[in-house]
Amino acid sequence: MERRIGAAAGWTAAVLLASAALAGCTSEGKPTAEVSSALQGAKSALASAAESATAKIGSAAASAGASAASSAAAAASSALASVKGGLNAKDDVAVGAATTGSDGKAEATLTVTNHGSQPGKYTIQVNFDDASGNLLDATVVSVPEVAAGATSQATARSNRSLNGPVTAVVANALRY
């Protein structure tokens, strides 16, 4: 698509130059009023077309990102649904600030405190959101047995590279 935009811009520039050459100049070597007006109009049309193309590319990228995020969230929900006999343990999990690794993937430290009276394992869904709260990615973290009253740490890591500021949020957590 970027090649098409570049080609369209190149052809537009060539047409503009050819139009200017055919229309002529004044005896002082300056473009005539008609040529200046045509060039100004063409310049405006080219800018408008470039803005439109940029918006379409951004929209396509956003749609692709939203689709991937939705798929990741669905997979995370499916993983949680497969846990039998789990208790809601969202209050047992605290999430640290999200950071971005050298590979562009977001990471966040999870601190799991077993408030139950028996040891338990945890399955935790962590969502990675943008600054507006839109879902960018989701992942599931399994934490091996945590003794009653004990604390354990784990790391949630996004499935793909994420751009811009990212916030990690505990969407669901089960203790079993």
N, C-alpha and C. Protein backbone atom coordinates (compact mmCIF):
# COMPACT_ATOMS: atom_id res chain seq x y z
N MET A 1 0.82 -1.18 0.00
CA MET A 1 0.00 0.00 0.00
C MET A 1 0.87 1.26 0.00
N GLU A 2 1.98 1.22 0.78
CA GLU A 2 2.86 2.38 0.81
C GLU A 2 3.48 2.64 -0.57
N ARG A 3 3.76 1.55 -1.32
CA ARG A 3 4.29 1.73 -2.67
C ARG A 3 3.28 2.43 -3.56
N ARG A 4 2.00 2.05 -3.42
CA ARG A 4 0.96 2.68 -4.23
C ARG A 4 0.86 4.17 -3.92
N ILE A 5 0.95 4.51 -2.63
CA ILE A 5 0.87 5.91 -2.24
C ILE A 5 2.07 6.67 -2.81
N GLY A 6 3.26 6.06 -2.71
CA GLY A 6 4.46 6.70 -3.26
C GLY A 6 4.36 6.88 -4.76
N ALA A 7 3.84 5.85 -5.45
CA ALA A 7 3.69 5.94 -6.90
C ALA A 7 2.69 7.02 -7.28
N ALA A 8 1.58 7.08 -6.54
CA ALA A 8 0.56 8.10 -6.82
C ALA A 8 1.14 9.50 -6.61
N ALA A 9 1.92 9.66 -5.57
CA ALA A 9 2.54 10.97 -5.31
C ALA A 9 3.52 11.32 -6.42
N GLY A 10 4.29 10.33 -6.88
CA GLY A 10 5.25 10.57 -7.97
C GLY A 10 4.55 10.96 -9.25
N TRP A 11 3.49 10.25 -9.62
CA TRP A 11 2.74 10.59 -10.83
C TRP A 11 2.11 11.96 -10.71
N THR A 12 1.60 12.28 -9.54
CA THR A 12 0.99 13.60 -9.34
C THR A 12 2.03 14.70 -9.54
N ALA A 13 3.21 14.50 -8.98
CA ALA A 13 4.28 15.49 -9.14
C ALA A 13 4.66 15.65 -10.61
N ALA A 14 4.74 14.52 -11.34
CA ALA A 14 5.10 14.57 -12.76
C ALA A 14 4.05 15.34 -13.56
N VAL A 15 2.78 15.10 -13.26
CA VAL A 15 1.70 15.81 -13.95
C VAL A 15 1.77 17.30 -13.66
N LEU A 16 2.06 17.64 -12.42
CA LEU A 16 2.17 19.06 -12.06
C LEU A 16 3.30 19.75 -12.82
N LEU A 17 4.44 19.08 -12.90
CA LEU A 17 5.58 19.67 -13.60
C LEU A 17 5.28 19.81 -15.10
N ALA A 18 4.66 18.79 -15.67
CA ALA A 18 4.32 18.85 -17.09
C ALA A 18 3.31 19.96 -17.35
N SER A 19 2.34 20.11 -16.46
CA SER A 19 1.34 21.17 -16.60
C SER A 19 1.99 22.54 -16.55
N ALA A 20 2.93 22.71 -15.64
CA ALA A 20 3.61 23.99 -15.51
C ALA A 20 4.43 24.29 -16.77
N ALA A 21 5.08 23.26 -17.31
CA ALA A 21 5.89 23.47 -18.50
C ALA A 21 5.02 23.83 -19.70
N LEU A 22 3.86 23.19 -19.83
CA LEU A 22 2.97 23.47 -20.95
C LEU A 22 2.29 24.84 -20.82
N ALA A 23 1.98 25.22 -19.61
CA ALA A 23 1.25 26.48 -19.41
C ALA A 23 2.14 27.69 -19.65
N GLY A 24 3.41 27.54 -19.39
CA GLY A 24 4.33 28.62 -19.68
C GLY A 24 4.58 29.55 -18.52
N CYS A 25 5.45 30.50 -18.81
CA CYS A 25 5.86 31.47 -17.81
C CYS A 25 5.73 32.87 -18.41
N THR A 26 5.85 33.86 -17.57
CA THR A 26 5.86 35.24 -18.05
C THR A 26 7.20 35.52 -18.69
N SER A 27 7.33 36.70 -19.30
CA SER A 27 8.60 37.06 -19.95
C SER A 27 9.73 37.21 -18.94
N GLU A 28 9.39 37.39 -17.65
CA GLU A 28 10.42 37.49 -16.62
C GLU A 28 10.85 36.11 -16.09
N GLY A 29 10.27 35.03 -16.62
CA GLY A 29 10.64 33.69 -16.18
C GLY A 29 9.82 33.22 -14.98
N LYS A 30 8.80 33.97 -14.58
CA LYS A 30 7.96 33.58 -13.45
C LYS A 30 6.71 32.89 -13.98
N PRO A 31 6.14 31.98 -13.20
CA PRO A 31 4.92 31.30 -13.66
C PRO A 31 3.78 32.31 -13.83
N THR A 32 2.94 32.05 -14.81
CA THR A 32 1.77 32.91 -15.01
C THR A 32 0.81 32.70 -13.85
N ALA A 33 -0.18 33.58 -13.73
CA ALA A 33 -1.17 33.49 -12.66
C ALA A 33 -1.92 32.17 -12.74
N GLU A 34 -2.22 31.73 -13.97
CA GLU A 34 -2.94 30.47 -14.15
C GLU A 34 -2.12 29.29 -13.63
N VAL A 35 -0.81 29.30 -13.95
CA VAL A 35 0.06 28.22 -13.50
C VAL A 35 0.18 28.24 -11.99
N SER A 36 0.37 29.42 -11.41
CA SER A 36 0.47 29.53 -9.95
C SER A 36 -0.78 29.01 -9.29
N SER A 37 -1.94 29.38 -9.82
CA SER A 37 -3.21 28.93 -9.26
C SER A 37 -3.35 27.41 -9.39
N ALA A 38 -2.99 26.87 -10.55
CA ALA A 38 -3.09 25.42 -10.75
C ALA A 38 -2.15 24.67 -9.82
N LEU A 39 -0.93 25.20 -9.69
CA LEU A 39 0.03 24.56 -8.79
C LEU A 39 -0.45 24.59 -7.35
N GLN A 40 -1.02 25.71 -6.93
CA GLN A 40 -1.53 25.83 -5.56
C GLN A 40 -2.67 24.82 -5.34
N GLY A 41 -3.57 24.72 -6.30
CA GLY A 41 -4.67 23.76 -6.18
C GLY A 41 -4.18 22.33 -6.16
N ALA A 42 -3.22 22.03 -7.01
CA ALA A 42 -2.67 20.67 -7.05
C ALA A 42 -1.94 20.34 -5.76
N LYS A 43 -1.22 21.34 -5.23
CA LYS A 43 -0.51 21.15 -3.97
C LYS A 43 -1.50 20.83 -2.86
N SER A 44 -2.61 21.55 -2.81
CA SER A 44 -3.65 21.31 -1.81
C SER A 44 -4.27 19.93 -1.98
N ALA A 45 -4.54 19.54 -3.22
CA ALA A 45 -5.13 18.23 -3.49
C ALA A 45 -4.18 17.11 -3.10
N LEU A 46 -2.89 17.30 -3.37
CA LEU A 46 -1.89 16.30 -3.02
C LEU A 46 -1.78 16.15 -1.51
N ALA A 47 -1.80 17.28 -0.79
CA ALA A 47 -1.74 17.23 0.67
C ALA A 47 -2.96 16.51 1.23
N SER A 48 -4.13 16.80 0.67
CA SER A 48 -5.36 16.15 1.12
C SER A 48 -5.30 14.64 0.86
N ALA A 49 -4.81 14.24 -0.31
CA ALA A 49 -4.70 12.82 -0.64
C ALA A 49 -3.71 12.12 0.28
N ALA A 50 -2.62 12.79 0.60
CA ALA A 50 -1.63 12.21 1.50
C ALA A 50 -2.21 12.02 2.90
N GLU A 51 -2.96 13.02 3.39
CA GLU A 51 -3.60 12.90 4.70
C GLU A 51 -4.58 11.75 4.72
N SER A 52 -5.36 11.62 3.66
CA SER A 52 -6.35 10.55 3.57
C SER A 52 -5.67 9.18 3.57
N ALA A 53 -4.59 9.05 2.80
CA ALA A 53 -3.86 7.78 2.73
C ALA A 53 -3.25 7.43 4.08
N THR A 54 -2.69 8.43 4.76
CA THR A 54 -2.09 8.22 6.07
C THR A 54 -3.15 7.76 7.07
N ALA A 55 -4.33 8.38 7.02
CA ALA A 55 -5.42 7.99 7.91
C ALA A 55 -5.85 6.56 7.64
N LYS A 56 -5.91 6.16 6.36
CA LYS A 56 -6.31 4.80 6.02
C LYS A 56 -5.28 3.78 6.52
N ILE A 57 -4.00 4.11 6.39
CA ILE A 57 -2.96 3.21 6.87
C ILE A 57 -3.06 3.07 8.38
N GLY A 58 -3.24 4.21 9.09
CA GLY A 58 -3.39 4.17 10.55
C GLY A 58 -4.59 3.37 10.97
N SER A 59 -5.70 3.52 10.25
CA SER A 59 -6.92 2.78 10.57
C SER A 59 -6.72 1.29 10.36
N ALA A 60 -6.04 0.92 9.29
CA ALA A 60 -5.77 -0.50 9.02
C ALA A 60 -4.88 -1.09 10.10
N ALA A 61 -3.87 -0.33 10.51
CA ALA A 61 -2.97 -0.80 11.57
C ALA A 61 -3.72 -0.95 12.88
N ALA A 62 -4.58 0.01 13.20
CA ALA A 62 -5.36 -0.06 14.43
C ALA A 62 -6.30 -1.26 14.41
N SER A 63 -6.92 -1.52 13.25
CA SER A 63 -7.82 -2.67 13.13
C SER A 63 -7.05 -3.97 13.34
N ALA A 64 -5.87 -4.05 12.75
CA ALA A 64 -5.06 -5.25 12.92
C ALA A 64 -4.66 -5.43 14.37
N GLY A 65 -4.28 -4.34 15.03
CA GLY A 65 -3.91 -4.41 16.45
C GLY A 65 -5.08 -4.78 17.32
N ALA A 66 -6.25 -4.21 17.04
CA ALA A 66 -7.45 -4.51 17.82
C ALA A 66 -7.82 -5.97 17.65
N SER A 67 -7.69 -6.49 16.44
CA SER A 67 -8.01 -7.89 16.18
C SER A 67 -7.08 -8.81 16.96
N ALA A 68 -5.79 -8.51 16.97
CA ALA A 68 -4.83 -9.32 17.70
C ALA A 68 -5.10 -9.24 19.20
N ALA A 69 -5.44 -8.06 19.70
CA ALA A 69 -5.74 -7.90 21.12
C ALA A 69 -6.98 -8.69 21.50
N SER A 70 -8.01 -8.64 20.64
CA SER A 70 -9.24 -9.39 20.91
C SER A 70 -8.96 -10.89 20.92
N SER A 71 -8.13 -11.36 20.00
CA SER A 71 -7.78 -12.77 19.96
C SER A 71 -7.03 -13.19 21.21
N ALA A 72 -6.11 -12.35 21.65
CA ALA A 72 -5.33 -12.65 22.86
C ALA A 72 -6.24 -12.68 24.08
N ALA A 73 -7.19 -11.74 24.17
CA ALA A 73 -8.12 -11.71 25.29
C ALA A 73 -9.01 -12.95 25.29
N ALA A 74 -9.46 -13.37 24.11
CA ALA A 74 -10.29 -14.57 24.00
C ALA A 74 -9.51 -15.81 24.44
N ALA A 75 -8.25 -15.89 24.04
CA ALA A 75 -7.41 -17.03 24.43
C ALA A 75 -7.19 -17.04 25.94
N ALA A 76 -6.99 -15.86 26.53
CA ALA A 76 -6.79 -15.75 27.97
C ALA A 76 -8.05 -16.18 28.71
N SER A 77 -9.21 -15.72 28.24
CA SER A 77 -10.48 -16.10 28.87
C SER A 77 -10.70 -17.61 28.78
N SER A 78 -10.34 -18.19 27.65
CA SER A 78 -10.47 -19.63 27.46
C SER A 78 -9.58 -20.38 28.44
N ALA A 79 -8.37 -19.90 28.65
CA ALA A 79 -7.45 -20.54 29.59
C ALA A 79 -8.01 -20.48 31.01
N LEU A 80 -8.60 -19.36 31.38
CA LEU A 80 -9.20 -19.24 32.71
C LEU A 80 -10.42 -20.14 32.85
N ALA A 81 -11.19 -20.27 31.79
CA ALA A 81 -12.39 -21.11 31.83
C ALA A 81 -12.04 -22.58 32.02
N SER A 82 -10.83 -22.97 31.62
CA SER A 82 -10.43 -24.36 31.75
C SER A 82 -10.04 -24.73 33.18
N VAL A 83 -9.88 -23.72 34.07
CA VAL A 83 -9.54 -23.99 35.47
C VAL A 83 -10.80 -24.42 36.19
N LYS A 84 -10.79 -25.63 36.75
CA LYS A 84 -11.95 -26.17 37.45
C LYS A 84 -11.81 -25.92 38.96
N GLY A 85 -12.90 -25.45 39.56
CA GLY A 85 -12.93 -25.25 41.01
C GLY A 85 -12.13 -24.06 41.48
N GLY A 86 -11.86 -23.11 40.60
CA GLY A 86 -11.09 -21.93 40.97
C GLY A 86 -11.94 -20.91 41.72
N LEU A 87 -11.30 -20.21 42.63
CA LEU A 87 -11.95 -19.14 43.38
C LEU A 87 -11.42 -17.80 42.87
N ASN A 88 -12.29 -16.79 42.85
CA ASN A 88 -11.87 -15.46 42.45
C ASN A 88 -10.77 -14.98 43.40
N ALA A 89 -9.61 -14.70 42.86
CA ALA A 89 -8.47 -14.29 43.68
C ALA A 89 -7.86 -12.99 43.16
N LYS A 90 -8.66 -12.19 42.51
CA LYS A 90 -8.15 -10.94 41.94
C LYS A 90 -7.54 -10.04 43.02
N ASP A 91 -8.13 -10.08 44.21
CA ASP A 91 -7.60 -9.26 45.31
C ASP A 91 -6.27 -9.77 45.85
N ASP A 92 -5.89 -10.99 45.49
CA ASP A 92 -4.61 -11.56 45.92
C ASP A 92 -3.44 -11.10 45.05
N VAL A 93 -3.74 -10.44 43.93
CA VAL A 93 -2.70 -10.11 42.95
C VAL A 93 -2.53 -8.59 42.81
N ALA A 94 -1.29 -8.15 42.96
CA ALA A 94 -0.94 -6.74 42.72
C ALA A 94 -0.02 -6.72 41.51
N VAL A 95 -0.21 -5.72 40.66
CA VAL A 95 0.60 -5.63 39.45
C VAL A 95 1.45 -4.36 39.49
N GLY A 96 2.72 -4.51 39.11
CA GLY A 96 3.62 -3.37 39.08
C GLY A 96 3.50 -2.61 37.76
N ALA A 97 4.27 -1.56 37.64
CA ALA A 97 4.26 -0.74 36.43
C ALA A 97 4.79 -1.56 35.25
N ALA A 98 4.19 -1.34 34.10
CA ALA A 98 4.63 -2.03 32.88
C ALA A 98 5.88 -1.35 32.35
N THR A 99 6.82 -2.16 31.94
CA THR A 99 8.04 -1.66 31.29
C THR A 99 8.13 -2.32 29.92
N THR A 100 8.96 -1.77 29.07
CA THR A 100 9.13 -2.34 27.73
C THR A 100 10.54 -2.88 27.60
N GLY A 101 10.64 -4.14 27.21
CA GLY A 101 11.94 -4.77 27.01
C GLY A 101 12.57 -4.34 25.70
N SER A 102 13.80 -4.75 25.48
CA SER A 102 14.51 -4.38 24.25
C SER A 102 13.84 -4.94 23.01
N ASP A 103 13.01 -5.98 23.17
CA ASP A 103 12.30 -6.57 22.04
C ASP A 103 10.95 -5.89 21.79
N GLY A 104 10.62 -4.86 22.59
CA GLY A 104 9.37 -4.12 22.40
C GLY A 104 8.19 -4.72 23.14
N LYS A 105 8.38 -5.85 23.79
CA LYS A 105 7.29 -6.48 24.53
C LYS A 105 7.19 -5.87 25.92
N ALA A 106 5.95 -5.71 26.37
CA ALA A 106 5.70 -5.14 27.70
C ALA A 106 5.82 -6.22 28.75
N GLU A 107 6.30 -5.83 29.93
CA GLU A 107 6.43 -6.74 31.06
C GLU A 107 5.93 -6.04 32.31
N ALA A 108 5.36 -6.82 33.23
CA ALA A 108 4.94 -6.29 34.52
C ALA A 108 5.14 -7.37 35.57
N THR A 109 5.59 -6.96 36.74
CA THR A 109 5.78 -7.89 37.85
C THR A 109 4.47 -8.06 38.59
N LEU A 110 4.12 -9.31 38.87
CA LEU A 110 2.93 -9.63 39.64
C LEU A 110 3.37 -10.08 41.03
N THR A 111 2.73 -9.55 42.05
CA THR A 111 2.97 -10.00 43.41
C THR A 111 1.71 -10.69 43.88
N VAL A 112 1.83 -11.98 44.17
CA VAL A 112 0.68 -12.80 44.55
C VAL A 112 0.79 -13.12 46.04
N THR A 113 -0.22 -12.73 46.80
CA THR A 113 -0.29 -13.02 48.23
C THR A 113 -1.49 -13.93 48.47
N ASN A 114 -1.22 -15.13 48.96
CA ASN A 114 -2.29 -16.08 49.22
C ASN A 114 -2.97 -15.72 50.53
N HIS A 115 -4.15 -15.12 50.44
CA HIS A 115 -4.92 -14.74 51.62
C HIS A 115 -5.78 -15.90 52.13
N GLY A 116 -5.71 -17.03 51.45
CA GLY A 116 -6.50 -18.20 51.85
C GLY A 116 -5.86 -18.94 53.01
N SER A 117 -6.57 -19.94 53.51
CA SER A 117 -6.07 -20.74 54.64
C SER A 117 -5.35 -22.00 54.19
N GLN A 118 -5.32 -22.25 52.86
CA GLN A 118 -4.63 -23.41 52.32
C GLN A 118 -3.75 -22.98 51.16
N PRO A 119 -2.71 -23.79 50.84
CA PRO A 119 -1.88 -23.46 49.69
C PRO A 119 -2.72 -23.43 48.42
N GLY A 120 -2.30 -22.65 47.45
CA GLY A 120 -3.06 -22.59 46.20
C GLY A 120 -2.19 -22.21 45.02
N LYS A 121 -2.63 -22.65 43.86
CA LYS A 121 -2.00 -22.26 42.60
C LYS A 121 -2.85 -21.15 42.01
N TYR A 122 -2.25 -20.35 41.14
CA TYR A 122 -2.96 -19.21 40.55
C TYR A 122 -2.86 -19.21 39.03
N THR A 123 -3.95 -18.84 38.41
CA THR A 123 -3.96 -18.55 36.97
C THR A 123 -4.48 -17.13 36.85
N ILE A 124 -3.68 -16.26 36.23
CA ILE A 124 -3.96 -14.82 36.22
C ILE A 124 -3.98 -14.29 34.79
N GLN A 125 -5.04 -13.56 34.45
CA GLN A 125 -5.10 -12.88 33.16
C GLN A 125 -4.66 -11.44 33.36
N VAL A 126 -3.65 -11.03 32.60
CA VAL A 126 -3.16 -9.66 32.64
C VAL A 126 -3.42 -9.02 31.28
N ASN A 127 -4.08 -7.88 31.30
CA ASN A 127 -4.32 -7.11 30.08
C ASN A 127 -3.31 -5.98 30.00
N PHE A 128 -2.83 -5.70 28.81
CA PHE A 128 -1.96 -4.56 28.57
C PHE A 128 -2.78 -3.54 27.80
N ASP A 129 -3.00 -2.38 28.41
CA ASP A 129 -3.84 -1.33 27.84
C ASP A 129 -3.01 -0.12 27.43
N ASP A 130 -3.53 0.65 26.47
CA ASP A 130 -2.87 1.91 26.10
C ASP A 130 -3.30 3.00 27.08
N ALA A 131 -2.83 4.22 26.86
CA ALA A 131 -3.11 5.33 27.78
C ALA A 131 -4.59 5.66 27.87
N SER A 132 -5.38 5.30 26.86
CA SER A 132 -6.82 5.55 26.86
C SER A 132 -7.62 4.38 27.43
N GLY A 133 -6.93 3.32 27.86
CA GLY A 133 -7.62 2.17 28.42
C GLY A 133 -8.05 1.15 27.38
N ASN A 134 -7.59 1.31 26.14
CA ASN A 134 -7.92 0.35 25.09
C ASN A 134 -7.00 -0.88 25.20
N LEU A 135 -7.58 -2.05 25.03
CA LEU A 135 -6.83 -3.28 25.12
C LEU A 135 -5.85 -3.42 23.96
N LEU A 136 -4.58 -3.64 24.29
CA LEU A 136 -3.54 -3.86 23.27
C LEU A 136 -3.17 -5.33 23.17
N ASP A 137 -3.15 -6.02 24.32
CA ASP A 137 -2.76 -7.42 24.36
C ASP A 137 -3.22 -8.00 25.69
N ALA A 138 -3.25 -9.32 25.77
CA ALA A 138 -3.61 -10.02 27.01
C ALA A 138 -2.78 -11.28 27.09
N THR A 139 -2.48 -11.69 28.31
CA THR A 139 -1.71 -12.90 28.51
C THR A 139 -2.18 -13.58 29.79
N VAL A 140 -1.85 -14.84 29.93
CA VAL A 140 -2.18 -15.59 31.13
C VAL A 140 -0.88 -16.05 31.78
N VAL A 141 -0.82 -15.89 33.10
CA VAL A 141 0.35 -16.30 33.88
C VAL A 141 -0.09 -17.35 34.88
N SER A 142 0.64 -18.44 34.93
CA SER A 142 0.39 -19.47 35.93
C SER A 142 1.44 -19.34 37.02
N VAL A 143 0.97 -19.34 38.26
CA VAL A 143 1.88 -19.25 39.40
C VAL A 143 1.76 -20.56 40.17
N PRO A 144 2.91 -21.25 40.35
CA PRO A 144 2.86 -22.51 41.08
C PRO A 144 2.41 -22.28 42.53
N GLU A 145 2.23 -23.34 43.23
CA GLU A 145 1.67 -23.30 44.58
C GLU A 145 2.31 -22.23 45.48
N VAL A 146 1.41 -21.45 46.09
CA VAL A 146 1.81 -20.42 47.05
C VAL A 146 1.21 -20.83 48.40
N ALA A 147 2.05 -20.95 49.41
CA ALA A 147 1.59 -21.37 50.74
C ALA A 147 0.61 -20.35 51.31
N ALA A 148 -0.28 -20.81 52.17
CA ALA A 148 -1.24 -19.92 52.82
C ALA A 148 -0.49 -18.81 53.55
N GLY A 149 -0.88 -17.57 53.32
CA GLY A 149 -0.25 -16.42 53.96
C GLY A 149 1.07 -16.00 53.33
N ALA A 150 1.56 -16.74 52.34
CA ALA A 150 2.85 -16.44 51.71
C ALA A 150 2.66 -15.56 50.46
N THR A 151 3.78 -15.03 50.00
CA THR A 151 3.79 -14.17 48.81
C THR A 151 4.77 -14.75 47.79
N SER A 152 4.40 -14.62 46.52
CA SER A 152 5.24 -15.08 45.42
C SER A 152 5.20 -14.03 44.31
N GLN A 153 6.22 -14.02 43.47
CA GLN A 153 6.24 -13.08 42.35
C GLN A 153 6.31 -13.84 41.03
N ALA A 154 5.75 -13.21 40.01
CA ALA A 154 5.78 -13.75 38.65
C ALA A 154 5.86 -12.56 37.70
N THR A 155 6.10 -12.85 36.44
CA THR A 155 6.18 -11.79 35.44
C THR A 155 5.18 -12.04 34.33
N ALA A 156 4.39 -11.02 34.04
CA ALA A 156 3.47 -11.06 32.89
C ALA A 156 4.20 -10.40 31.73
N ARG A 157 4.12 -11.03 30.56
CA ARG A 157 4.83 -10.51 29.38
C ARG A 157 3.86 -10.53 28.20
N SER A 158 3.81 -9.40 27.47
CA SER A 158 2.91 -9.33 26.31
C SER A 158 3.36 -10.33 25.25
N ASN A 159 2.43 -10.70 24.40
CA ASN A 159 2.70 -11.66 23.33
C ASN A 159 3.39 -11.03 22.13
N ARG A 160 3.29 -9.72 22.01
CA ARG A 160 3.84 -9.03 20.85
C ARG A 160 4.37 -7.66 21.27
N SER A 161 5.08 -7.01 20.39
CA SER A 161 5.62 -5.68 20.66
C SER A 161 4.47 -4.68 20.75
N LEU A 162 4.57 -3.79 21.72
CA LEU A 162 3.54 -2.77 21.94
C LEU A 162 4.20 -1.40 21.90
N ASN A 163 3.51 -0.45 21.31
CA ASN A 163 4.04 0.91 21.18
C ASN A 163 3.35 1.86 22.15
N GLY A 164 4.07 2.88 22.55
CA GLY A 164 3.50 3.92 23.40
C GLY A 164 3.41 3.48 24.85
N PRO A 165 2.85 4.35 25.67
CA PRO A 165 2.71 4.02 27.09
C PRO A 165 1.73 2.85 27.27
N VAL A 166 2.11 1.91 28.12
CA VAL A 166 1.31 0.71 28.35
C VAL A 166 1.08 0.54 29.85
N THR A 167 -0.13 0.15 30.20
CA THR A 167 -0.48 -0.14 31.59
C THR A 167 -0.89 -1.60 31.70
N ALA A 168 -0.38 -2.28 32.72
CA ALA A 168 -0.76 -3.67 32.97
C ALA A 168 -1.89 -3.68 33.99
N VAL A 169 -2.92 -4.49 33.70
CA VAL A 169 -4.10 -4.57 34.57
C VAL A 169 -4.44 -6.04 34.80
N VAL A 170 -4.70 -6.40 36.05
CA VAL A 170 -5.15 -7.76 36.34
C VAL A 170 -6.63 -7.82 35.99
N ALA A 171 -6.95 -8.56 34.94
CA ALA A 171 -8.33 -8.67 34.49
C ALA A 171 -9.08 -9.75 35.26
N ASN A 172 -8.42 -10.87 35.52
CA ASN A 172 -9.00 -11.99 36.24
C ASN A 172 -7.89 -12.75 36.95
N ALA A 173 -8.24 -13.38 38.06
CA ALA A 173 -7.28 -14.24 38.76
C ALA A 173 -8.07 -15.32 39.48
N LEU A 174 -7.59 -16.55 39.36
CA LEU A 174 -8.23 -17.68 40.04
C LEU A 174 -7.20 -18.39 40.91
N ARG A 175 -7.64 -18.78 42.11
CA ARG A 175 -6.82 -19.60 43.00
C ARG A 175 -7.51 -20.97 43.07
N TYR A 176 -6.72 -22.03 42.96
CA TYR A 176 -7.29 -23.38 43.01
C TYR A 176 -6.36 -24.34 43.72
